Amino acid sequence: MSKLSPLTATFALLSLCICTSFPAYATPEPLEPVPFSHTVKIAYGYSLTEQAATVIAEAFALHGAFTRASQWIEHRQQIARGSETTPALAAREETIAANQLYKFHRSKIFRSKDIDGNYINVEVTISPIEQFDEKHLLALKPTSRAKIFEAIFMAEESYLQEFSTKTFNDKQHTFLLSLNANSKFFFDNIANRLRALKAYRKLVPEYTQGTWKNPKQKLKEVSLLLNSAPEEPILLHAKGSILFQLKNTIEAIRYFNDAIDLEPNIVVALHDRGTAYVRANLPDMALVDYDKAILLSPNNPHLYISHGSADLVLKDYESMCKHYRKGCSLGLCNELNWGIARGMCKK
C-alpha cells in the first residue's frame, strides 16, 4: 500500500462557518429567527470523484448549519426560561428541533484548483419555517416526525464519520489512507445514501403521527429512493410505514425487519414494527420492540402510550396505567385520562 503525498490528499475543511446574519443575543425580544449558512471545502480526485465529493461536502455543510441553528435555539431556551440554572436542551434534541424549525433552502457550489489539487466548495443555507415564534419553540415536543428527523440526522452523521475515518489521518494534515479498488465504491455508496436521505428529508413534513399525505404517491417516491440506496435502513422503514398505512401489514413488517436487521437501534422502526405486531394480533412481540425503543429513547412519550395500548390488548391494566402515566408526565395525557374515566387507572 503506497502512501499519498499531500498533493494528492483528500481533505475537508469543516471549520469555515458563515452565519448570514447574527442572532439577537443582546436583544432577545422579539424573536426574529434568521437563516444560517455553513461552508465546507473538500479536495477530490482519484477514487473520490467530484460528484461524490459534492454530495458529501453538502451533507457536512448542512450539519454545520443545523449545529449553528441549534446553538441559537439553546440560547433562546435559556432566555425564555429566565434562569441560567435551568438545563438547556440536550445537544441532540437541539439539533432535531433545528431540523423541524428550519428547512433546507439552497446550496452554492464552487469548484477551484490550485497546486494541491481540485477542490469543491459547498455553502448550504437553511431558513426558518413560517410561523416560527417563541411559543412554537417552547411548545416543541417529541413527535413521530421528530424521531424521523433524528433518525435521518444520526444516519447522516454516521456516514460522515465513516468518511472521516477513511480519509482523515490527523487534525492538522488530513489525507486518504489508501487508494484501492474498493475506495471508489466506498465513496459512491456513502454519496448515494446521503443523496437519498437528503431527498427523503424533504418528504418528512408530510408525515404526521404515523400518517402520510398521499401514501400511494409517497410509496412510489420512497421506492425510487430505495433504488439508489437499497440497504438504507431509514428508507426501508419509510416504505414499511407507508405499507402499514395502506393496510399491507405483513409486507410492512418485512420492511421493518430489514431496517432493524441493518440498524438494530433505529427507534422509529422498532416502534412501528411493534404497532404492526399489535395489528397482526401479536401484542407480546410488540412489547419486546416497545421496551427496547423506550430504552433507546426514554423521553419520548409516544413510546409509553404505544406500550400501554399493547398492554390494554393483553388486559394488563396495571402495566397499561403505568405506561400511560409515564406518557402523561412527558406531555401526552389523553390515554391516561381515558383510563381514569373508565375506572381502569387511579387518579
Protein backbone atom coordinates (compact mmCIF):
# COMPACT_ATOMS: atom_id res chain seq x y z
CA MET A 1 0.00 0.00 0.00
CA SER A 2 1.61 3.30 -1.06
CA LYS A 3 1.32 6.47 0.97
CA LEU A 4 -0.09 9.57 -0.67
CA SER A 5 1.67 12.90 -0.77
CA PRO A 6 -0.22 16.00 0.35
CA LEU A 7 -0.55 16.96 -3.33
CA THR A 8 -2.93 14.05 -3.89
CA ALA A 9 -4.57 14.32 -0.50
CA THR A 10 -8.30 14.46 0.02
CA PHE A 11 -9.27 16.65 2.91
CA ALA A 12 -12.25 18.51 4.29
CA LEU A 13 -12.15 21.95 5.85
CA LEU A 14 -15.03 21.80 8.30
CA SER A 15 -14.25 24.88 10.36
CA LEU A 16 -15.43 27.57 7.93
CA CYS A 17 -18.85 28.61 9.19
CA ILE A 18 -20.59 31.72 7.91
CA CYS A 19 -23.80 32.96 9.50
CA THR A 20 -25.84 35.03 7.10
CA SER A 21 -26.83 37.32 9.96
CA PHE A 22 -26.17 37.50 13.65
CA PRO A 23 -28.59 36.05 16.27
CA ALA A 24 -30.07 38.70 18.52
CA TYR A 25 -28.24 37.71 21.70
CA ALA A 26 -28.20 41.21 23.16
CA THR A 27 -31.87 41.93 22.44
CA PRO A 28 -33.78 38.65 22.68
CA GLU A 29 -37.23 40.17 22.21
CA PRO A 30 -38.94 39.89 19.86
CA LEU A 31 -37.93 36.55 18.44
CA GLU A 32 -36.54 37.03 14.95
CA PRO A 33 -35.25 33.73 13.56
CA VAL A 34 -32.55 34.14 10.94
CA PRO A 35 -31.11 31.88 8.26
CA PHE A 36 -27.81 30.15 8.87
CA SER A 37 -25.17 29.06 6.38
CA HIS A 38 -22.12 26.85 6.57
CA THR A 39 -19.36 26.29 4.03
CA VAL A 40 -17.25 23.17 3.59
CA LYS A 41 -14.25 22.65 1.31
CA ILE A 42 -13.15 19.19 0.18
CA ALA A 43 -10.40 18.18 -2.20
CA TYR A 44 -11.31 15.44 -4.66
CA GLY A 45 -9.60 13.21 -7.17
CA TYR A 46 -8.61 9.61 -7.81
CA SER A 47 -11.16 7.35 -6.10
CA LEU A 48 -13.18 10.28 -4.70
CA THR A 49 -14.98 11.75 -7.70
CA GLU A 50 -16.13 15.34 -7.92
CA GLN A 51 -19.75 14.17 -7.88
CA ALA A 52 -19.35 12.13 -4.68
CA ALA A 53 -17.27 14.88 -3.05
CA THR A 54 -20.03 17.41 -3.76
CA VAL A 55 -22.72 15.29 -2.09
CA ILE A 56 -20.52 14.56 0.94
CA ALA A 57 -19.45 18.20 1.30
CA GLU A 58 -23.10 19.29 1.13
CA ALA A 59 -24.01 16.89 3.95
CA PHE A 60 -21.15 18.21 6.09
CA ALA A 61 -22.28 21.77 5.39
CA LEU A 62 -25.92 21.01 6.18
CA HIS A 63 -24.97 19.52 9.53
CA GLY A 64 -22.85 22.57 10.25
CA ALA A 65 -25.77 24.88 9.52
CA PHE A 66 -28.09 22.84 11.75
CA THR A 67 -25.49 22.94 14.53
CA ARG A 68 -25.38 26.73 14.28
CA ALA A 69 -29.16 26.93 14.40
CA SER A 70 -29.29 24.54 17.37
CA GLN A 71 -26.89 26.76 19.34
CA TRP A 72 -29.21 29.70 18.74
CA ILE A 73 -32.22 27.61 19.83
CA GLU A 74 -30.41 26.66 23.04
CA HIS A 75 -29.72 30.33 23.74
CA ARG A 76 -33.38 31.22 23.16
CA GLN A 77 -34.49 28.46 25.51
CA GLN A 78 -32.25 29.77 28.27
CA ILE A 79 -33.53 33.31 27.84
CA ALA A 80 -37.18 32.27 27.74
CA ARG A 81 -36.85 30.17 30.87
CA GLY A 82 -35.24 33.09 32.65
CA SER A 83 -32.66 31.08 34.54
CA GLU A 84 -29.12 30.09 33.73
CA THR A 85 -29.52 27.12 36.08
CA THR A 86 -32.34 25.62 34.04
CA PRO A 87 -30.92 22.80 31.92
CA ALA A 88 -30.97 23.60 28.23
CA LEU A 89 -31.97 21.02 25.67
CA ALA A 90 -29.54 18.18 25.15
CA ALA A 91 -27.30 18.69 22.14
CA ARG A 92 -29.11 16.11 20.02
CA GLU A 93 -32.52 17.48 20.96
CA GLU A 94 -31.43 20.98 19.97
CA THR A 95 -30.32 19.73 16.59
CA ILE A 96 -33.54 17.80 15.98
CA ALA A 97 -35.51 20.90 16.97
CA ALA A 98 -33.50 22.80 14.35
CA ASN A 99 -34.40 20.12 11.79
CA GLN A 100 -38.07 20.85 12.48
CA LEU A 101 -37.84 24.65 12.67
CA TYR A 102 -35.50 25.18 9.72
CA LYS A 103 -35.75 23.92 6.17
CA PHE A 104 -33.03 23.32 3.62
CA HIS A 105 -33.02 26.43 1.46
CA ARG A 106 -30.22 26.29 -1.08
CA SER A 107 -26.69 25.23 -1.89
CA LYS A 108 -23.97 27.18 -3.65
CA ILE A 109 -21.30 25.05 -5.27
CA PHE A 110 -17.90 26.38 -6.31
CA ARG A 111 -15.06 24.49 -7.96
CA SER A 112 -11.43 25.54 -7.75
CA LYS A 113 -7.95 24.24 -8.47
CA ASP A 114 -4.55 25.08 -7.05
CA ILE A 115 -1.15 23.41 -6.81
CA ASP A 116 -2.50 20.94 -4.26
CA GLY A 117 -5.32 19.67 -6.50
CA ASN A 118 -9.01 20.10 -7.25
CA TYR A 119 -11.47 21.35 -4.64
CA ILE A 120 -15.20 21.53 -4.20
CA ASN A 121 -16.69 24.26 -2.01
CA VAL A 122 -20.30 23.88 -0.91
CA GLU A 123 -22.21 26.54 1.01
CA VAL A 124 -25.55 25.40 2.45
CA THR A 125 -28.19 27.77 3.76
CA ILE A 126 -31.16 26.81 5.94
CA SER A 127 -34.10 29.11 6.57
CA PRO A 128 -36.70 29.21 9.35
CA ILE A 129 -40.13 27.82 8.60
CA GLU A 130 -43.19 30.05 8.55
CA GLN A 131 -44.82 30.78 11.93
CA PHE A 132 -41.57 30.14 13.81
CA ASP A 133 -42.12 32.09 17.02
CA GLU A 134 -41.24 31.83 20.69
CA LYS A 135 -44.43 29.97 21.54
CA HIS A 136 -43.77 27.42 18.80
CA LEU A 137 -40.21 26.97 20.01
CA LEU A 138 -41.14 26.39 23.65
CA ALA A 139 -44.04 24.08 22.81
CA LEU A 140 -41.90 21.82 20.65
CA LYS A 141 -42.18 18.26 21.97
CA PRO A 142 -41.06 14.85 20.71
CA THR A 143 -43.26 13.69 17.85
CA SER A 144 -43.12 10.86 15.37
CA ARG A 145 -41.91 13.37 12.78
CA ALA A 146 -39.15 14.49 15.13
CA LYS A 147 -37.98 10.89 15.54
CA ILE A 148 -37.68 10.52 11.77
CA PHE A 149 -35.68 13.73 11.55
CA GLU A 150 -33.48 12.39 14.33
CA ALA A 151 -33.02 9.06 12.56
CA ILE A 152 -32.05 10.82 9.33
CA PHE A 153 -29.64 13.14 11.10
CA MET A 154 -27.96 10.33 13.04
CA ALA A 155 -27.65 8.18 9.90
CA GLU A 156 -26.03 11.06 8.03
CA GLU A 157 -23.71 11.69 10.95
CA SER A 158 -22.68 8.03 10.93
CA TYR A 159 -21.86 8.09 7.21
CA LEU A 160 -19.90 11.32 7.54
CA GLN A 161 -17.95 9.76 10.40
CA GLU A 162 -17.20 6.76 8.19
CA PHE A 163 -15.92 9.13 5.53
CA SER A 164 -13.80 10.98 8.07
CA THR A 165 -12.34 7.77 9.47
CA LYS A 166 -11.45 6.59 6.00
CA THR A 167 -9.90 9.83 4.80
CA PHE A 168 -8.55 11.66 7.83
CA ASN A 169 -5.14 10.94 9.30
CA ASP A 170 -4.94 13.66 11.95
CA LYS A 171 -6.43 17.05 12.74
CA GLN A 172 -3.64 19.02 11.10
CA HIS A 173 -2.98 17.07 7.89
CA THR A 174 -5.85 15.03 6.53
CA PHE A 175 -5.50 12.70 3.60
CA LEU A 176 -6.64 9.40 2.15
CA LEU A 177 -5.06 6.49 3.91
CA SER A 178 -5.25 4.24 0.87
CA LEU A 179 -6.32 4.03 -2.69
CA ASN A 180 -7.57 0.64 -3.75
CA ALA A 181 -10.20 -0.93 -5.92
CA ASN A 182 -12.84 -0.65 -3.20
CA SER A 183 -12.32 3.04 -2.39
CA LYS A 184 -14.47 4.39 -5.22
CA PHE A 185 -17.31 2.02 -4.29
CA PHE A 186 -16.99 3.13 -0.65
CA PHE A 187 -17.26 6.82 -1.52
CA ASP A 188 -20.02 6.34 -4.09
CA ASN A 189 -22.05 4.25 -1.64
CA ILE A 190 -21.85 6.97 1.02
CA ALA A 191 -22.76 9.63 -1.56
CA ASN A 192 -25.78 7.62 -2.76
CA ARG A 193 -27.05 7.17 0.78
CA LEU A 194 -26.59 10.84 1.63
CA ARG A 195 -28.28 11.91 -1.59
CA ALA A 196 -31.27 9.65 -0.87
CA LEU A 197 -31.56 10.87 2.72
CA LYS A 198 -31.46 14.48 1.54
CA ALA A 199 -34.41 13.79 -0.76
CA TYR A 200 -36.26 11.91 1.98
CA ARG A 201 -35.84 14.81 4.42
CA LYS A 202 -37.96 16.91 2.08
CA LEU A 203 -40.80 14.37 2.32
CA VAL A 204 -40.89 14.16 6.13
CA PRO A 205 -43.04 17.32 6.67
CA GLU A 206 -45.86 15.35 5.04
CA TYR A 207 -45.70 12.75 7.82
CA THR A 208 -47.72 13.35 10.99
CA GLN A 209 -48.12 10.85 13.84
CA GLY A 210 -47.73 7.79 11.67
CA THR A 211 -49.78 9.03 8.72
CA TRP A 212 -48.51 10.12 5.32
CA LYS A 213 -50.30 12.50 2.98
CA ASN A 214 -50.96 10.82 -0.37
CA PRO A 215 -49.46 7.48 0.75
CA LYS A 216 -49.66 5.82 -2.68
CA GLN A 217 -47.63 8.63 -4.21
CA LYS A 218 -45.17 8.52 -1.30
CA LEU A 219 -44.77 4.78 -1.82
CA LYS A 220 -43.61 5.44 -5.39
CA GLU A 221 -41.24 8.21 -4.31
CA VAL A 222 -39.65 6.18 -1.50
CA SER A 223 -39.34 3.13 -3.75
CA LEU A 224 -37.37 5.25 -6.23
CA LEU A 225 -35.06 6.42 -3.46
CA LEU A 226 -34.50 2.81 -2.43
CA ASN A 227 -33.36 2.02 -5.96
CA SER A 228 -30.31 4.23 -5.37
CA ALA A 229 -29.77 3.18 -1.74
CA PRO A 230 -31.37 -0.29 -1.36
CA GLU A 231 -29.84 -1.02 2.05
CA GLU A 232 -30.60 2.29 3.72
CA PRO A 233 -32.49 1.45 6.97
CA ILE A 234 -34.28 4.82 7.15
CA LEU A 235 -35.78 4.31 3.71
CA LEU A 236 -36.71 0.69 4.42
CA HIS A 237 -38.56 1.91 7.49
CA ALA A 238 -40.24 4.62 5.41
CA LYS A 239 -41.56 2.08 2.91
CA GLY A 240 -42.76 -0.13 5.77
CA SER A 241 -44.62 2.77 7.39
CA ILE A 242 -46.39 3.60 4.12
CA LEU A 243 -47.33 -0.05 3.53
CA PHE A 244 -48.69 -0.20 7.08
CA GLN A 245 -50.86 2.83 6.38
CA LEU A 246 -52.10 1.12 3.21
CA LYS A 247 -53.16 -1.89 5.35
CA ASN A 248 -50.46 -4.19 3.97
CA THR A 249 -49.35 -5.21 7.46
CA ILE A 250 -47.35 -8.35 6.66
CA GLU A 251 -45.32 -6.62 3.94
CA ALA A 252 -44.79 -3.66 6.26
CA ILE A 253 -43.35 -5.95 8.94
CA ARG A 254 -40.96 -7.40 6.36
CA TYR A 255 -39.56 -3.94 5.59
CA PHE A 256 -39.36 -3.08 9.29
CA ASN A 257 -37.44 -6.33 9.81
CA ASP A 258 -35.00 -5.41 7.03
CA ALA A 259 -34.45 -1.96 8.53
CA ILE A 260 -33.85 -3.33 12.04
CA ASP A 261 -31.56 -6.08 10.78
CA LEU A 262 -29.37 -3.40 9.23
CA GLU A 263 -29.68 -0.96 12.14
CA PRO A 264 -30.89 -2.65 15.37
CA ASN A 265 -31.21 0.62 17.29
CA ILE A 266 -33.48 2.53 14.92
CA VAL A 267 -36.21 3.68 17.31
CA VAL A 268 -38.87 4.59 14.74
CA ALA A 269 -38.65 1.16 13.11
CA LEU A 270 -38.84 -0.63 16.47
CA HIS A 271 -41.89 1.39 17.44
CA ASP A 272 -43.65 0.94 14.12
CA ARG A 273 -42.92 -2.78 13.96
CA GLY A 274 -44.42 -3.07 17.43
CA THR A 275 -47.55 -1.30 16.23
CA ALA A 276 -47.73 -3.62 13.23
CA TYR A 277 -47.42 -6.61 15.57
CA VAL A 278 -50.41 -5.32 17.57
CA ARG A 279 -52.47 -5.10 14.39
CA ALA A 280 -51.33 -8.63 13.48
CA ASN A 281 -52.58 -9.81 16.91
CA LEU A 282 -49.06 -10.35 18.25
CA PRO A 283 -49.04 -7.94 21.21
CA ASP A 284 -46.41 -9.92 23.15
CA MET A 285 -43.94 -9.39 20.33
CA ALA A 286 -44.92 -5.73 20.23
CA LEU A 287 -43.93 -5.28 23.88
CA VAL A 288 -40.42 -6.52 23.13
CA ASP A 289 -39.99 -3.82 20.47
CA TYR A 290 -41.57 -1.11 22.63
CA ASP A 291 -39.36 -1.97 25.61
CA LYS A 292 -36.21 -1.71 23.51
CA ALA A 293 -37.37 1.54 21.92
CA ILE A 294 -38.01 3.01 25.38
CA LEU A 295 -34.50 2.05 26.50
CA LEU A 296 -33.09 3.86 23.47
CA SER A 297 -35.35 6.90 23.73
CA PRO A 298 -36.66 7.19 27.32
CA ASN A 299 -38.05 10.72 26.92
CA ASN A 300 -40.38 10.03 24.00
CA PRO A 301 -43.98 9.97 25.34
CA HIS A 302 -45.36 8.20 22.26
CA LEU A 303 -43.41 5.05 23.09
CA TYR A 304 -45.04 4.76 26.51
CA ILE A 305 -48.50 5.39 25.06
CA SER A 306 -47.99 2.66 22.45
CA HIS A 307 -46.72 0.27 25.13
CA GLY A 308 -49.79 0.99 27.22
CA SER A 309 -52.06 0.31 24.25
CA ALA A 310 -50.44 -3.10 23.74
CA ASP A 311 -50.92 -3.76 27.47
CA LEU A 312 -54.60 -2.93 27.00
CA VAL A 313 -54.89 -5.58 24.29
CA LEU A 314 -53.33 -8.08 26.73
CA LYS A 315 -55.65 -6.82 29.52
CA ASP A 316 -52.62 -5.99 31.68
CA TYR A 317 -54.23 -2.87 33.13
CA GLU A 318 -51.58 -2.29 35.78
CA SER A 319 -48.84 -2.04 33.16
CA MET A 320 -51.14 -0.03 30.90
CA CYS A 321 -51.74 2.61 33.56
CA LYS A 322 -48.06 2.73 34.47
CA HIS A 323 -47.07 3.47 30.89
CA TYR A 324 -49.95 5.87 30.28
CA ARG A 325 -48.93 7.73 33.44
CA LYS A 326 -45.34 7.98 32.25
CA GLY A 327 -46.52 9.22 28.87
CA CYS A 328 -48.64 11.84 30.63
CA SER A 329 -45.63 13.02 32.66
CA LEU A 330 -43.94 13.69 29.31
CA GLY A 331 -46.88 15.64 27.91
CA LEU A 332 -49.42 13.17 26.46
CA CYS A 333 -52.33 12.66 28.85
CA ASN A 334 -55.35 11.72 26.72
CA GLU A 335 -54.87 7.98 27.21
CA LEU A 336 -54.36 8.27 30.96
CA ASN A 337 -57.46 10.44 31.26
CA TRP A 338 -59.35 7.80 29.24
CA GLY A 339 -58.19 5.08 31.66
CA ILE A 340 -59.14 7.18 34.69
CA ALA A 341 -62.59 7.97 33.26
CA ARG A 342 -63.29 4.25 32.89
CA GLY A 343 -62.05 3.40 36.33
CA MET A 344 -59.11 1.41 35.00
CA CYS A 345 -56.43 3.79 36.31
CA LYS A 346 -56.24 5.74 39.57
CA LYS A 347 -56.16 9.50 39.56
